[in-house]
Amino acid sequence: MPMIFVEGPPGLSDVAKKKMVEDVTRAADEAYHVPDVRLWLREYPPERYAQDGVIGAWVRPIAILEVPELGSIEAKRTLVARIDAALAEAYDGLADTSNVMVFLNGYPLEQVGWAGRMQSDRPEIVESVKQLAG
């Protein structure tokens, strides 16, 4: 299951938040074809972040993905571009959207447990990830 953490300043409207979540989820669905995409929104008021030693600086939103390994660099490029666009649109006027960062932390199956078992012990998961790896 792809897990996505979006970090940025507070102030997103309900409409912007809903669209961003839908767009990011759709991008992850199309890249991974794995159900159960989870997204956490972490909002930090200006006094709770710093950049280059300046508290409350003009923040740059980020997305951190904890996901299965993805073999295709083109799939990664597409995923990053779509998430970048979704965050830039949502945070326009609230943050530095010219510098959105997306971190892809891909995990091999032998590094992920679920329901008391290693993912590498589940044949259906192994086959799905083989397809992702190309």
Protein backbone atom coordinates (compact mmCIF):
# COMPACT_ATOMS: atom_id res chain seq x y z
CA MET A 1 0.00 0.00 0.00
CA PRO A 2 1.45 3.37 -0.97
CA MET A 3 1.72 5.73 1.98
CA ILE A 4 2.07 9.42 1.22
CA PHE A 5 2.89 12.26 3.60
CA VAL A 6 2.28 15.80 2.37
CA GLU A 7 3.86 18.54 4.48
CA GLY A 8 3.13 22.22 4.13
CA PRO A 9 1.65 25.26 5.81
CA PRO A 10 -1.93 25.41 7.12
CA GLY A 11 -4.56 27.31 5.20
CA LEU A 12 -5.65 25.00 2.39
CA SER A 13 -9.33 25.43 1.62
CA ASP A 14 -11.48 22.33 1.83
CA VAL A 15 -11.88 22.41 -1.96
CA ALA A 16 -8.10 22.68 -2.57
CA LYS A 17 -7.37 19.95 -0.03
CA LYS A 18 -9.94 17.58 -1.55
CA LYS A 19 -8.64 18.12 -5.10
CA MET A 20 -5.00 17.69 -4.03
CA VAL A 21 -5.78 14.43 -2.20
CA GLU A 22 -7.73 13.13 -5.20
CA ASP A 23 -4.99 14.11 -7.67
CA VAL A 24 -2.15 12.63 -5.59
CA THR A 25 -4.12 9.43 -4.93
CA ARG A 26 -4.93 9.05 -8.64
CA ALA A 27 -1.24 9.53 -9.53
CA ALA A 28 -0.20 6.84 -7.02
CA ASP A 29 -2.97 4.50 -8.21
CA GLU A 30 -1.85 4.80 -11.82
CA ALA A 31 1.85 4.35 -10.98
CA TYR A 32 1.53 1.42 -8.59
CA HIS A 33 -1.81 -0.27 -9.31
CA VAL A 34 -1.90 -1.19 -5.60
CA PRO A 35 -5.08 -0.60 -3.60
CA ASP A 36 -5.23 1.16 -0.26
CA VAL A 37 -3.35 4.40 -1.01
CA ARG A 38 -3.04 6.31 2.27
CA LEU A 39 -2.28 10.01 2.56
CA TRP A 40 -1.50 12.05 5.65
CA LEU A 41 -1.54 15.83 5.55
CA ARG A 42 0.90 17.43 7.98
CA GLU A 43 0.36 21.13 8.46
CA TYR A 44 2.95 23.30 10.17
CA PRO A 45 2.30 26.88 11.27
CA PRO A 46 5.18 29.29 10.54
CA GLU A 47 6.59 29.11 14.07
CA ARG A 48 7.06 25.33 13.66
CA TYR A 49 9.39 25.28 10.66
CA ALA A 50 12.58 26.94 9.54
CA GLN A 51 14.56 27.13 6.35
CA ASP A 52 18.22 28.09 6.25
CA GLY A 53 17.98 28.99 9.93
CA VAL A 54 15.03 31.35 9.49
CA ILE A 55 11.95 30.44 11.52
CA GLY A 56 8.76 31.02 9.59
CA ALA A 57 10.49 31.36 6.21
CA TRP A 58 8.45 30.98 3.01
CA VAL A 59 7.95 27.21 3.20
CA ARG A 60 8.39 24.75 0.37
CA PRO A 61 5.78 21.97 0.45
CA ILE A 62 7.02 18.40 0.17
CA ALA A 63 5.62 14.95 -0.45
CA ILE A 64 7.23 11.84 1.01
CA LEU A 65 6.19 8.51 -0.47
CA GLU A 66 6.80 5.23 1.33
CA VAL A 67 6.06 2.81 -1.48
CA PRO A 68 7.02 -0.43 -3.24
CA GLU A 69 9.99 -0.19 -5.55
CA LEU A 70 9.06 1.11 -8.97
CA GLY A 71 11.32 -0.12 -11.78
CA SER A 72 10.47 2.33 -14.54
CA ILE A 73 12.19 5.71 -14.45
CA GLU A 74 9.46 7.02 -16.75
CA ALA A 75 6.78 5.94 -14.27
CA LYS A 76 8.73 7.72 -11.53
CA ARG A 77 9.05 10.88 -13.64
CA THR A 78 5.32 10.89 -14.36
CA LEU A 79 4.45 10.28 -10.71
CA VAL A 80 6.74 13.08 -9.48
CA ALA A 81 5.43 15.53 -12.11
CA ARG A 82 1.80 14.82 -11.20
CA ILE A 83 2.38 15.14 -7.46
CA ASP A 84 4.40 18.33 -8.00
CA ALA A 85 1.52 19.80 -10.02
CA ALA A 86 -1.08 18.79 -7.42
CA LEU A 87 0.86 20.37 -4.54
CA ALA A 88 1.74 23.49 -6.55
CA GLU A 89 -1.92 24.04 -7.39
CA ALA A 90 -3.14 23.40 -3.85
CA TYR A 91 -0.54 25.57 -2.11
CA ASP A 92 -0.48 28.43 -4.65
CA GLY A 93 -0.29 31.65 -2.63
CA LEU A 94 0.40 29.82 0.64
CA ALA A 95 3.90 28.51 -0.03
CA ASP A 96 6.87 28.53 -2.40
CA THR A 97 5.32 26.30 -5.06
CA SER A 98 8.21 26.76 -7.48
CA ASN A 99 10.26 24.45 -5.28
CA VAL A 100 8.02 21.48 -4.41
CA MET A 101 10.05 18.40 -3.52
CA VAL A 102 8.89 14.78 -3.86
CA PHE A 103 10.82 11.99 -2.12
CA LEU A 104 10.30 8.40 -3.30
CA ASN A 105 11.33 5.85 -0.70
CA GLY A 106 10.96 2.50 -2.47
CA TYR A 107 11.08 -0.68 -0.43
CA PRO A 108 11.81 -4.24 -1.56
CA LEU A 109 9.25 -6.78 -0.35
CA GLU A 110 11.66 -8.38 2.11
CA GLN A 111 11.74 -5.04 3.95
CA VAL A 112 7.97 -4.78 4.47
CA GLY A 113 5.73 -6.73 6.83
CA TRP A 114 1.94 -6.77 6.75
CA ALA A 115 -0.61 -8.74 8.75
CA GLY A 116 2.15 -10.58 10.58
CA ARG A 117 3.94 -11.77 7.42
CA MET A 118 6.67 -10.49 5.19
CA GLN A 119 5.36 -9.20 1.88
CA SER A 120 7.99 -11.37 0.17
CA ASP A 121 6.12 -14.44 1.53
CA ARG A 122 2.90 -13.52 -0.29
CA PRO A 123 2.96 -14.90 -3.88
CA GLU A 124 0.26 -12.50 -5.14
CA ILE A 125 2.23 -9.50 -3.85
CA VAL A 126 5.49 -10.80 -5.32
CA GLU A 127 3.82 -11.11 -8.73
CA SER A 128 2.33 -7.59 -8.54
CA VAL A 129 5.69 -6.06 -7.64
CA LYS A 130 7.42 -7.97 -10.47
CA GLN A 131 5.06 -6.22 -12.85
CA LEU A 132 5.88 -2.82 -11.29
CA ALA A 133 9.60 -3.48 -11.60
CA GLY A 134 9.26 -4.07 -15.32
